[in-house]
Amino acid sequence: MDIKLKSVILNNKDQYVKIKHADYDWNILLLKKELLFDILCELALNKINMFYYLTQKSSTKTLSETMSFVELLEKQGLFIEKLNTIFDILGWKKSKLNIESTVFQGDLAEYLMSILIDRFGFSKTLISKISLKTNPNMPVYGNDNIYYDSSKKVLYFGESKFYESMDNALKNALESIEKHKTITEISFLENHTNNFIAENGETLKKLQQKFEIVDSSNFSIASICFVVEDELYLKKDIETIITKYTLNSKYKKIIDNSLIIILPILSKKDFLEYFKNKIGELYE
């Protein structure tokens, strides 16, 4: 599935990036935000993505298995029925979806985070925390998602924020990273290998075996900070905010050890309404 998004390096550092529309500049997108919204909804409401990232089914632990499972559901006419069981847990049915809920907004940001990190190859999702929810009002505590870069042997703890203010979002994300990056998170990972997802069965098995006998000294630990915001979109303005925190002694160590990904959404309110309507259009 081809996506019309691209990443732009910020502050001349590969670890800071902004995600934007690949075909249109901001002047056009400000007049027609739906061009951006539609791409993000296409990713979020993709059949494969929903069953891969949002569930803990044994049939959807790998991308290849998920594709086969979705195909089987469609052949048997069960796709909508089974999708509704996911939406029930998340509270994502259009008739019940509360887009004002901060829990929902956080869930959506976490979900988009994993999709985009995997798509752009920043790392690979190991645990999608949203799949661990048991009811719509339940936030999943701790880090938002967990990622692993096998080539660099870097374990990433993720933190996502969905705010209007870029400054507030980045500040709160960095503070959350400092709070959550503890030995407890390593212990969670080590004891939840059954929640891992991967591209294929061979990779999944290797990762599970690796982390069940994990020695934290064998890999580096870093963070991914994913910010969805509607305040800023120009490169220079976003770079100014990032620079502010790199120069702040309180945050410098955290941000230097983090991958920062910014997704300007242009209008949080309009995007959430568009997402809700798209669910109704596609699946109800």
Protein backbone atom coordinates (compact mmCIF):
# COMPACT_ATOMS: atom_id res chain seq x y z
CA MET A 1 0.00 0.00 0.00
CA ASP A 2 1.58 3.22 -1.20
CA ILE A 3 1.20 6.24 1.09
CA LYS A 4 1.62 9.82 -0.05
CA LEU A 5 3.61 10.96 2.95
CA LYS A 6 7.27 11.82 3.33
CA SER A 7 9.64 12.58 6.18
CA VAL A 8 11.67 15.78 6.46
CA ILE A 9 14.82 15.98 8.59
CA LEU A 10 14.74 18.70 11.25
CA ASN A 11 17.63 20.58 12.86
CA ASN A 12 20.05 18.79 10.47
CA LYS A 13 19.76 15.61 12.57
CA ASP A 14 18.38 12.29 11.37
CA GLN A 15 16.81 11.69 14.79
CA TYR A 16 14.39 14.62 14.41
CA VAL A 17 11.83 14.38 11.62
CA LYS A 18 8.56 15.87 10.48
CA ILE A 19 5.99 13.91 8.48
CA LYS A 20 4.10 15.74 5.75
CA HIS A 21 2.10 15.20 2.59
CA ALA A 22 4.36 14.12 -0.26
CA ASP A 23 2.48 15.90 -3.06
CA TYR A 24 1.07 19.16 -1.67
CA ASP A 25 2.60 22.12 0.13
CA TRP A 26 1.12 23.62 3.27
CA ASN A 27 -0.61 26.49 1.44
CA ILE A 28 -2.79 23.99 -0.41
CA LEU A 29 -3.32 21.78 2.63
CA LEU A 30 -4.47 24.70 4.75
CA LEU A 31 -7.23 25.29 2.20
CA LYS A 32 -8.05 21.61 1.86
CA LYS A 33 -7.07 19.74 5.00
CA GLU A 34 -8.98 16.68 3.80
CA LEU A 35 -6.06 15.83 1.50
CA LEU A 36 -3.96 15.08 4.58
CA PHE A 37 -6.79 13.69 6.69
CA ASP A 38 -7.74 11.18 4.02
CA ILE A 39 -4.24 9.66 3.89
CA LEU A 40 -4.09 9.28 7.67
CA CYS A 41 -7.56 7.75 7.80
CA GLU A 42 -6.64 5.39 4.98
CA LEU A 43 -3.76 4.14 7.12
CA ALA A 44 -5.67 4.00 10.39
CA LEU A 45 -8.74 2.30 8.90
CA ASN A 46 -6.83 -0.10 6.70
CA LYS A 47 -8.16 -3.63 7.27
CA ILE A 48 -4.74 -5.20 7.76
CA ASN A 49 -3.51 -2.46 10.08
CA MET A 50 -6.57 -2.67 12.32
CA PHE A 51 -6.25 -6.40 12.93
CA TYR A 52 -2.45 -6.28 13.20
CA TYR A 53 -2.05 -3.38 15.63
CA LEU A 54 -5.38 -3.27 17.50
CA THR A 55 -5.86 -6.89 18.53
CA GLN A 56 -4.20 -9.73 20.41
CA LYS A 57 -5.58 -12.52 18.22
CA SER A 58 -3.29 -15.51 17.76
CA SER A 59 -4.14 -15.31 14.05
CA THR A 60 -2.76 -11.77 13.69
CA LYS A 61 0.64 -11.90 15.39
CA THR A 62 2.47 -11.42 12.09
CA LEU A 63 1.72 -9.31 9.04
CA SER A 64 1.60 -12.35 6.79
CA GLU A 65 -0.86 -14.14 9.10
CA THR A 66 -2.98 -11.01 9.41
CA MET A 67 -3.33 -10.71 5.64
CA SER A 68 -4.47 -14.33 5.41
CA PHE A 69 -6.84 -13.92 8.36
CA VAL A 70 -8.51 -10.81 6.93
CA GLU A 71 -8.88 -12.51 3.55
CA LEU A 72 -10.54 -15.49 5.28
CA LEU A 73 -12.96 -13.24 7.18
CA GLU A 74 -13.96 -11.48 3.97
CA LYS A 75 -14.55 -14.78 2.16
CA GLN A 76 -16.75 -15.98 5.00
CA GLY A 77 -18.62 -12.68 5.25
CA LEU A 78 -17.43 -12.17 8.84
CA PHE A 79 -15.16 -9.17 8.48
CA ILE A 80 -17.53 -6.47 9.78
CA GLU A 81 -18.73 -8.71 12.62
CA LYS A 82 -15.18 -9.34 13.84
CA LEU A 83 -14.13 -5.74 13.30
CA ASN A 84 -17.02 -4.63 15.50
CA THR A 85 -15.61 -6.70 18.35
CA ILE A 86 -12.45 -4.57 18.10
CA PHE A 87 -14.45 -1.34 17.90
CA ASP A 88 -16.51 -2.39 20.94
CA ILE A 89 -13.39 -2.66 23.09
CA LEU A 90 -11.95 0.61 21.78
CA GLY A 91 -15.24 2.53 21.70
CA TRP A 92 -14.70 3.31 18.03
CA LYS A 93 -18.19 2.66 16.64
CA LYS A 94 -19.38 5.93 15.15
CA SER A 95 -22.57 5.92 17.24
CA LYS A 96 -20.54 5.68 20.47
CA LEU A 97 -17.22 7.31 19.59
CA ASN A 98 -16.45 10.31 21.78
CA ILE A 99 -13.82 12.29 19.92
CA GLU A 100 -13.52 14.68 22.87
CA SER A 101 -12.19 11.86 25.06
CA THR A 102 -8.51 12.28 25.87
CA VAL A 103 -8.26 8.50 26.20
CA PHE A 104 -9.49 8.07 22.62
CA GLN A 105 -7.17 10.80 21.36
CA GLY A 106 -4.24 9.12 23.08
CA ASP A 107 -5.19 5.74 21.64
CA LEU A 108 -5.39 7.14 18.13
CA ALA A 109 -1.99 8.83 18.47
CA GLU A 110 -0.41 5.59 19.74
CA TYR A 111 -1.92 3.67 16.84
CA LEU A 112 -0.75 6.15 14.19
CA MET A 113 2.66 6.15 15.84
CA SER A 114 3.19 2.43 15.25
CA ILE A 115 1.85 2.52 11.70
CA LEU A 116 4.12 5.39 10.67
CA ILE A 117 7.22 4.13 12.48
CA ASP A 118 6.90 0.79 10.70
CA ARG A 119 6.06 2.38 7.35
CA PHE A 120 9.01 4.76 7.38
CA GLY A 121 11.39 2.15 8.77
CA PHE A 122 12.36 4.18 11.85
CA SER A 123 12.14 0.94 13.85
CA LYS A 124 9.74 -2.04 14.17
CA THR A 125 6.79 -2.35 16.51
CA LEU A 126 7.31 -5.01 19.15
CA ILE A 127 4.25 -4.35 21.33
CA SER A 128 1.29 -2.20 20.27
CA LYS A 129 -0.10 -1.09 23.62
CA ILE A 130 -3.55 -0.24 22.29
CA SER A 131 -4.10 -3.95 21.61
CA LEU A 132 -3.97 -4.57 25.37
CA LYS A 133 -7.07 -2.50 26.16
CA THR A 134 -10.06 -4.25 27.70
CA ASN A 135 -12.56 -1.37 27.60
CA PRO A 136 -12.85 2.05 25.91
CA ASN A 137 -12.20 4.10 29.04
CA MET A 138 -9.09 2.22 30.09
CA PRO A 139 -5.79 3.92 29.39
CA VAL A 140 -2.83 1.58 29.04
CA TYR A 141 -0.26 2.78 31.55
CA GLY A 142 3.49 3.06 31.11
CA ASN A 143 5.15 3.63 27.76
CA ASP A 144 2.76 3.90 24.84
CA ASN A 145 4.42 1.35 22.55
CA ILE A 146 7.64 -0.64 22.42
CA TYR A 147 9.90 -0.93 19.36
CA TYR A 148 13.08 -2.79 18.50
CA ASP A 149 15.66 -2.07 15.83
CA SER A 150 17.38 -5.43 15.34
CA SER A 151 20.12 -4.04 13.09
CA LYS A 152 21.20 -1.42 15.63
CA LYS A 153 20.18 -3.48 18.67
CA VAL A 154 18.24 -0.54 20.05
CA LEU A 155 15.13 -0.99 22.17
CA TYR A 156 12.83 2.03 21.96
CA PHE A 157 10.17 2.97 24.48
CA GLY A 158 7.55 5.11 22.80
CA GLU A 159 5.64 8.14 24.00
CA SER A 160 2.91 9.81 21.95
CA LYS A 161 1.01 13.05 22.47
CA PHE A 162 -1.96 14.52 20.60
CA TYR A 163 -2.17 18.23 21.52
CA GLU A 164 -2.98 21.52 19.92
CA SER A 165 0.28 23.04 21.17
CA MET A 166 3.55 21.73 19.77
CA ASP A 167 5.49 23.14 22.72
CA ASN A 168 3.26 21.58 25.38
CA ALA A 169 3.13 18.27 23.54
CA LEU A 170 6.90 17.94 23.29
CA LYS A 171 7.46 19.04 26.88
CA ASN A 172 4.93 16.56 28.27
CA ALA A 173 6.23 13.77 26.05
CA LEU A 174 9.80 14.29 27.28
CA GLU A 175 8.64 14.35 30.89
CA SER A 176 6.65 11.14 30.36
CA ILE A 177 9.70 9.47 28.82
CA GLU A 178 11.77 10.29 31.90
CA LYS A 179 9.01 8.99 34.17
CA HIS A 180 8.37 5.72 32.36
CA LYS A 181 11.84 4.60 31.28
CA THR A 182 12.52 2.36 34.26
CA ILE A 183 13.43 -1.24 35.01
CA THR A 184 9.68 -1.89 35.32
CA GLU A 185 9.30 -1.44 31.58
CA ILE A 186 12.08 -3.95 30.88
CA SER A 187 10.32 -6.39 33.20
CA PHE A 188 7.03 -5.80 31.39
CA LEU A 189 8.69 -6.54 28.06
CA GLU A 190 10.42 -9.67 29.33
CA ASN A 191 7.15 -11.07 30.68
CA HIS A 192 4.89 -10.17 27.76
CA THR A 193 6.60 -11.78 24.79
CA ASN A 194 3.26 -13.37 23.91
CA ASN A 195 2.11 -9.84 23.01
CA PHE A 196 4.87 -9.33 20.40
CA ILE A 197 4.08 -8.74 16.75
CA ALA A 198 6.43 -9.03 13.77
CA GLU A 199 6.53 -9.20 9.99
CA ASN A 200 6.72 -13.00 9.83
CA GLY A 201 6.75 -16.08 12.03
CA GLU A 202 10.50 -16.62 11.94
CA THR A 203 11.22 -13.07 13.08
CA LEU A 204 8.55 -13.28 15.78
CA LYS A 205 9.99 -16.49 17.22
CA LYS A 206 13.53 -15.09 17.30
CA LEU A 207 12.37 -11.93 19.07
CA GLN A 208 10.38 -13.87 21.65
CA GLN A 209 13.32 -16.13 22.41
CA LYS A 210 15.69 -13.18 22.60
CA PHE A 211 13.68 -11.15 25.09
CA GLU A 212 12.64 -14.06 27.29
CA ILE A 213 16.31 -14.45 28.23
CA VAL A 214 17.03 -10.77 27.86
CA ASP A 215 20.28 -9.23 29.07
CA SER A 216 19.76 -5.49 28.96
CA SER A 217 23.51 -4.92 28.66
CA ASN A 218 23.39 -6.39 25.13
CA PHE A 219 21.41 -3.55 23.60
CA SER A 220 20.92 0.17 23.88
CA ILE A 221 17.76 1.75 25.26
CA ALA A 222 16.36 4.89 23.68
CA SER A 223 13.01 6.62 23.24
CA ILE A 224 10.67 7.60 20.44
CA CYS A 225 8.62 10.73 20.96
CA PHE A 226 5.68 11.01 18.56
CA VAL A 227 3.82 14.33 18.56
CA VAL A 228 0.59 15.04 16.71
CA GLU A 229 -0.18 18.76 16.89
CA ASP A 230 -2.08 21.45 15.01
CA GLU A 231 -0.19 24.59 16.03
CA LEU A 232 2.91 24.52 13.80
CA TYR A 233 3.71 23.05 10.40
CA LEU A 234 6.61 25.04 8.94
CA LYS A 235 10.02 23.43 9.34
CA LYS A 236 11.68 26.48 10.89
CA ASP A 237 8.97 26.92 13.53
CA ILE A 238 9.11 23.29 14.61
CA GLU A 239 12.91 23.41 14.70
CA THR A 240 12.74 26.41 17.04
CA ILE A 241 10.74 24.41 19.58
CA ILE A 242 13.08 21.41 19.34
CA THR A 243 16.10 23.68 19.80
CA LYS A 244 14.49 25.15 22.91
CA TYR A 245 14.53 21.73 24.57
CA THR A 246 17.96 20.68 23.33
CA LEU A 247 19.35 23.78 25.06
CA ASN A 248 17.46 23.14 28.29
CA SER A 249 19.63 21.18 30.73
CA LYS A 250 16.56 19.49 32.23
CA TYR A 251 15.59 17.90 28.91
CA LYS A 252 18.85 17.75 26.94
CA LYS A 253 19.87 14.24 28.00
CA ILE A 254 16.40 12.86 27.22
CA ILE A 255 16.01 14.53 23.84
CA ASP A 256 19.55 13.61 22.78
CA ASN A 257 18.64 9.96 23.33
CA SER A 258 15.29 10.19 21.55
CA LEU A 259 13.90 9.93 18.06
CA ILE A 260 11.49 12.87 17.70
CA ILE A 261 8.71 12.51 15.11
CA ILE A 262 6.33 15.42 14.50
CA LEU A 263 3.05 15.06 12.62
CA PRO A 264 1.39 18.45 11.98
CA ILE A 265 -2.35 17.80 11.71
CA LEU A 266 -3.44 21.41 10.93
CA SER A 267 -6.70 21.07 12.89
CA LYS A 268 -7.13 18.55 15.68
CA LYS A 269 -10.89 19.13 15.88
CA ASP A 270 -11.44 18.80 12.12
CA PHE A 271 -9.28 15.69 11.87
CA LEU A 272 -11.10 13.89 14.69
CA GLU A 273 -14.47 14.70 13.15
CA TYR A 274 -13.23 13.50 9.77
CA PHE A 275 -11.97 10.26 11.33
CA LYS A 276 -15.31 9.62 13.03
CA ASN A 277 -17.26 10.23 9.82
CA LYS A 278 -14.88 8.00 7.86
CA ILE A 279 -15.53 5.11 10.25
CA GLY A 280 -19.25 5.48 9.62
CA GLU A 281 -18.75 5.73 5.89
CA LEU A 282 -16.55 2.63 5.62
CA TYR A 283 -17.73 0.25 8.31
CA GLU A 284 -21.29 1.03 9.46
